[in-house]
Amino acid sequence: MDPIGTFASRMVALPLDDVDTDQIIPARFLKVTEREGLGAALFADWRYDQAGRPRAGFPLNQPGASAARVLVAGRNFGCGSSREHAAWALLGFGFRAVVSTGFADIFRQNAIGNGLVPIELSLNAHGRLMRRAAEDPAAEIAISVENQTVTLPDGMTAVFPMDAFDRHCLLRGVDRLGFLLGLEDEIAAYERRHAADAFAMVGPGCA
């Protein structure tokens, strides 16, 4: 995945609470094991009518939405069943961050593991951002993973929490496995020391 540090972007407002993963990416799209093309299925049951036509009133179908890299959602985003496809679909549409007042834990980890930034803001900051995103589709916010800040269009800067390890991985564009593989030399050195210590404790006569 790509490193993500600081960027500015337009927003899309999705003022709905308790958006579960089955709405983010319906189960019928989970047959694939590759993420390619899943952006078209993001919020499919809300985004398209039964004939497959885009619903004019849905936020992702509004002019300029395709250029937005930030989704401003309601509370408890990503609840429901665990499916990594939810993060894949959001990334496939073009989002790099989702802003909420709270996320389901499994969705949060799936997001971070794929380079999607889950940003949890206070009720006050989130409310101001949601209103601005809804009122002005051209408004932009600046996000800094390094500083863990969001700068709102009105100039207000809000801090969001993030685990130090998760922040490290996002800034370097690695998942947990990538982080471990990057320590291959250190792991090999530890194994050599451990083997030497064990040999010294047992003694050459017992080898």
Protein backbone atom coordinates (compact mmCIF):
# COMPACT_ATOMS: atom_id res chain seq x y z
CA MET A 1 0.00 0.00 0.00
CA ASP A 2 1.07 3.60 -0.49
CA PRO A 3 2.46 5.69 2.38
CA ILE A 4 0.08 8.36 3.58
CA GLY A 5 1.27 11.43 5.45
CA THR A 6 -0.35 14.80 4.74
CA PHE A 7 -2.92 15.62 2.08
CA ALA A 8 -5.79 18.01 1.33
CA SER A 9 -9.04 16.96 -0.27
CA ARG A 10 -12.69 17.63 -0.89
CA MET A 11 -15.22 15.70 1.17
CA VAL A 12 -18.40 13.69 0.70
CA ALA A 13 -20.93 13.84 3.54
CA LEU A 14 -22.84 10.66 4.40
CA PRO A 15 -24.93 11.76 7.42
CA LEU A 16 -26.02 8.28 8.49
CA ASP A 17 -25.26 6.48 11.77
CA ASP A 18 -24.53 2.77 12.21
CA VAL A 19 -23.54 2.16 8.59
CA ASP A 20 -22.66 -1.53 8.55
CA THR A 21 -20.29 -3.40 6.29
CA ASP A 22 -23.13 -5.04 4.38
CA GLN A 23 -24.18 -1.59 3.19
CA ILE A 24 -20.61 -0.53 2.48
CA ILE A 25 -20.14 -3.62 0.28
CA PRO A 26 -23.12 -6.00 -0.06
CA ALA A 27 -22.43 -9.71 0.45
CA ARG A 28 -23.00 -10.62 -3.21
CA PHE A 29 -19.76 -8.84 -4.08
CA LEU A 30 -17.63 -10.87 -1.66
CA LYS A 31 -16.90 -13.73 -4.04
CA VAL A 32 -13.71 -12.09 -5.26
CA THR A 33 -10.33 -12.24 -3.53
CA GLU A 34 -8.88 -9.25 -5.39
CA ARG A 35 -9.79 -5.66 -4.67
CA GLU A 36 -9.83 -4.49 -8.29
CA GLY A 37 -13.20 -3.10 -9.39
CA LEU A 38 -14.82 -3.05 -5.95
CA GLY A 39 -15.08 0.74 -5.98
CA ALA A 40 -18.02 0.42 -8.36
CA ALA A 41 -19.85 -1.72 -5.78
CA LEU A 42 -19.37 0.71 -2.87
CA PHE A 43 -22.78 1.36 -1.23
CA ALA A 44 -24.32 -0.44 -4.23
CA ASP A 45 -27.80 -0.87 -2.73
CA TRP A 46 -28.01 2.83 -1.89
CA ARG A 47 -26.11 4.11 -4.87
CA TYR A 48 -28.06 2.40 -7.67
CA ASP A 49 -31.70 1.58 -8.31
CA GLN A 50 -32.96 -1.90 -9.26
CA ALA A 51 -32.16 -1.25 -12.90
CA GLY A 52 -28.57 -0.35 -12.03
CA ARG A 53 -29.05 3.37 -12.62
CA PRO A 54 -27.34 5.83 -10.24
CA ARG A 55 -29.75 7.37 -7.73
CA ALA A 56 -29.58 11.13 -8.24
CA GLY A 57 -29.90 11.97 -4.55
CA PHE A 58 -27.17 9.72 -3.19
CA PRO A 59 -24.07 11.65 -2.04
CA LEU A 60 -21.54 9.61 -4.04
CA ASN A 61 -23.48 10.34 -7.23
CA GLN A 62 -23.28 14.12 -6.82
CA PRO A 63 -21.08 16.18 -9.16
CA GLY A 64 -17.52 16.34 -7.87
CA ALA A 65 -17.90 13.40 -5.48
CA SER A 66 -15.50 11.29 -7.53
CA ALA A 67 -12.74 13.81 -6.76
CA ALA A 68 -13.24 13.58 -2.99
CA ARG A 69 -10.72 11.59 -0.96
CA VAL A 70 -12.49 11.96 2.39
CA LEU A 71 -15.82 10.46 3.47
CA VAL A 72 -17.49 12.19 6.42
CA ALA A 73 -19.80 9.58 7.94
CA GLY A 74 -22.02 9.31 11.01
CA ARG A 75 -21.25 7.53 14.27
CA ASN A 76 -20.35 3.84 14.58
CA PHE A 77 -19.19 3.48 11.00
CA GLY A 78 -18.23 0.01 9.78
CA CYS A 79 -20.24 -2.02 12.28
CA GLY A 80 -21.61 -5.47 11.45
CA SER A 81 -19.73 -8.42 10.01
CA SER A 82 -16.00 -8.47 9.40
CA ARG A 83 -15.06 -8.11 5.74
CA GLU A 84 -11.86 -6.60 4.42
CA HIS A 85 -13.74 -5.92 1.19
CA ALA A 86 -15.35 -2.89 2.90
CA ALA A 87 -11.98 -1.13 3.12
CA TRP A 88 -11.13 -2.28 -0.42
CA ALA A 89 -14.35 -0.78 -1.81
CA LEU A 90 -13.78 2.58 -0.11
CA LEU A 91 -10.22 2.71 -1.41
CA GLY A 92 -11.39 1.59 -4.84
CA PHE A 93 -13.74 4.55 -5.05
CA GLY A 94 -10.82 6.83 -4.23
CA PHE A 95 -11.22 7.55 -0.52
CA ARG A 96 -8.07 7.79 1.60
CA ALA A 97 -9.78 8.63 4.89
CA VAL A 98 -13.11 8.21 6.66
CA VAL A 99 -14.14 10.65 9.40
CA SER A 100 -16.59 9.64 12.13
CA THR A 101 -17.18 9.96 15.86
CA GLY A 102 -16.52 6.24 16.25
CA PHE A 103 -15.65 3.10 14.30
CA ALA A 104 -16.21 -0.61 14.77
CA ASP A 105 -12.90 -2.10 15.93
CA ILE A 106 -12.57 -4.71 13.18
CA PHE A 107 -13.33 -2.18 10.46
CA ARG A 108 -10.75 0.18 11.96
CA GLN A 109 -8.03 -2.46 11.80
CA ASN A 110 -8.99 -3.55 8.29
CA ALA A 111 -8.86 0.08 7.19
CA ILE A 112 -5.42 0.74 8.66
CA GLY A 113 -4.09 -2.54 7.28
CA ASN A 114 -5.00 -1.39 3.78
CA GLY A 115 -3.92 2.25 4.00
CA LEU A 116 -7.33 3.84 4.70
CA VAL A 117 -7.18 6.34 7.57
CA PRO A 118 -9.99 6.11 10.15
CA ILE A 119 -10.27 9.53 11.80
CA GLU A 120 -12.29 9.81 14.99
CA LEU A 121 -13.28 13.36 15.92
CA SER A 122 -15.13 14.91 18.83
CA LEU A 123 -18.85 15.55 18.42
CA ASN A 124 -18.22 19.29 18.04
CA ALA A 125 -15.51 19.03 15.38
CA HIS A 126 -17.36 16.28 13.55
CA GLY A 127 -20.60 18.27 13.51
CA ARG A 128 -18.88 21.34 12.09
CA LEU A 129 -17.18 19.26 9.43
CA MET A 130 -20.37 17.41 8.48
CA ARG A 131 -22.27 20.68 8.04
CA ARG A 132 -19.53 22.21 5.90
CA ALA A 133 -19.21 19.10 3.74
CA ALA A 134 -22.97 19.10 3.12
CA GLU A 135 -23.19 22.82 2.41
CA ASP A 136 -20.11 23.24 0.20
CA PRO A 137 -18.98 20.26 -1.90
CA ALA A 138 -15.90 22.24 -2.99
CA ALA A 139 -14.66 22.77 0.58
CA GLU A 140 -11.39 21.05 1.46
CA ILE A 141 -9.81 19.78 4.63
CA ALA A 142 -6.17 19.04 5.36
CA ILE A 143 -5.25 15.78 7.06
CA SER A 144 -1.90 15.03 8.69
CA VAL A 145 -1.34 11.47 9.84
CA GLU A 146 2.07 12.48 11.14
CA ASN A 147 0.61 15.16 13.43
CA GLN A 148 -2.73 13.39 13.89
CA THR A 149 -4.64 16.52 12.96
CA VAL A 150 -7.49 17.59 10.74
CA THR A 151 -7.69 21.22 9.68
CA LEU A 152 -11.27 22.19 8.92
CA PRO A 153 -12.24 24.67 6.18
CA ASP A 154 -12.93 27.35 8.84
CA GLY A 155 -9.35 27.06 10.08
CA MET A 156 -10.10 25.00 13.18
CA THR A 157 -7.60 22.22 13.84
CA ALA A 158 -8.78 19.06 15.57
CA VAL A 159 -6.59 16.26 16.91
CA PHE A 160 -7.57 12.63 16.41
CA PRO A 161 -6.29 9.59 18.37
CA MET A 162 -4.22 6.87 16.74
CA ASP A 163 -2.12 4.01 18.04
CA ALA A 164 1.59 4.71 17.56
CA PHE A 165 2.14 1.44 15.69
CA ASP A 166 -0.80 2.10 13.34
CA ARG A 167 0.54 5.59 12.66
CA HIS A 168 3.99 4.14 11.92
CA CYS A 169 2.54 1.67 9.40
CA LEU A 170 0.41 4.28 7.60
CA LEU A 171 3.30 6.72 7.29
CA ARG A 172 5.52 4.02 5.79
CA GLY A 173 2.89 2.27 3.72
CA VAL A 174 3.26 -1.14 5.34
CA ASP A 175 0.82 -3.55 6.94
CA ARG A 176 1.65 -5.79 9.92
CA LEU A 177 3.21 -8.45 7.74
CA GLY A 178 5.22 -5.86 5.84
CA PHE A 179 6.45 -4.44 9.14
CA LEU A 180 7.66 -7.87 10.26
CA LEU A 181 9.33 -8.58 6.91
CA GLY A 182 11.17 -5.29 7.26
CA LEU A 183 12.72 -6.65 10.47
CA GLU A 184 14.07 -9.80 8.78
CA ASP A 185 17.70 -8.96 9.54
CA GLU A 186 16.97 -8.20 13.19
CA ILE A 187 14.92 -11.39 13.56
CA ALA A 188 17.70 -13.48 11.98
CA ALA A 189 20.27 -11.89 14.32
CA TYR A 190 18.08 -12.67 17.33
CA GLU A 191 17.73 -16.29 16.23
CA ARG A 192 21.50 -16.62 15.89
CA ARG A 193 22.03 -15.18 19.38
CA HIS A 194 19.33 -17.40 20.82
CA ALA A 195 20.88 -20.51 19.24
CA ALA A 196 24.35 -19.54 20.52
CA ASP A 197 23.02 -18.94 24.06
CA ALA A 198 21.20 -22.27 24.06
CA PHE A 199 24.34 -24.09 22.88
CA ALA A 200 26.40 -22.41 25.60
CA MET A 201 23.92 -23.48 28.29
CA VAL A 202 23.77 -27.11 27.12
CA GLY A 203 27.50 -27.40 26.46
CA PRO A 204 29.40 -28.92 23.55
CA GLY A 205 29.40 -32.36 25.11
CA CYS A 206 25.59 -32.60 24.90
CA ALA A 207 25.29 -31.25 21.37
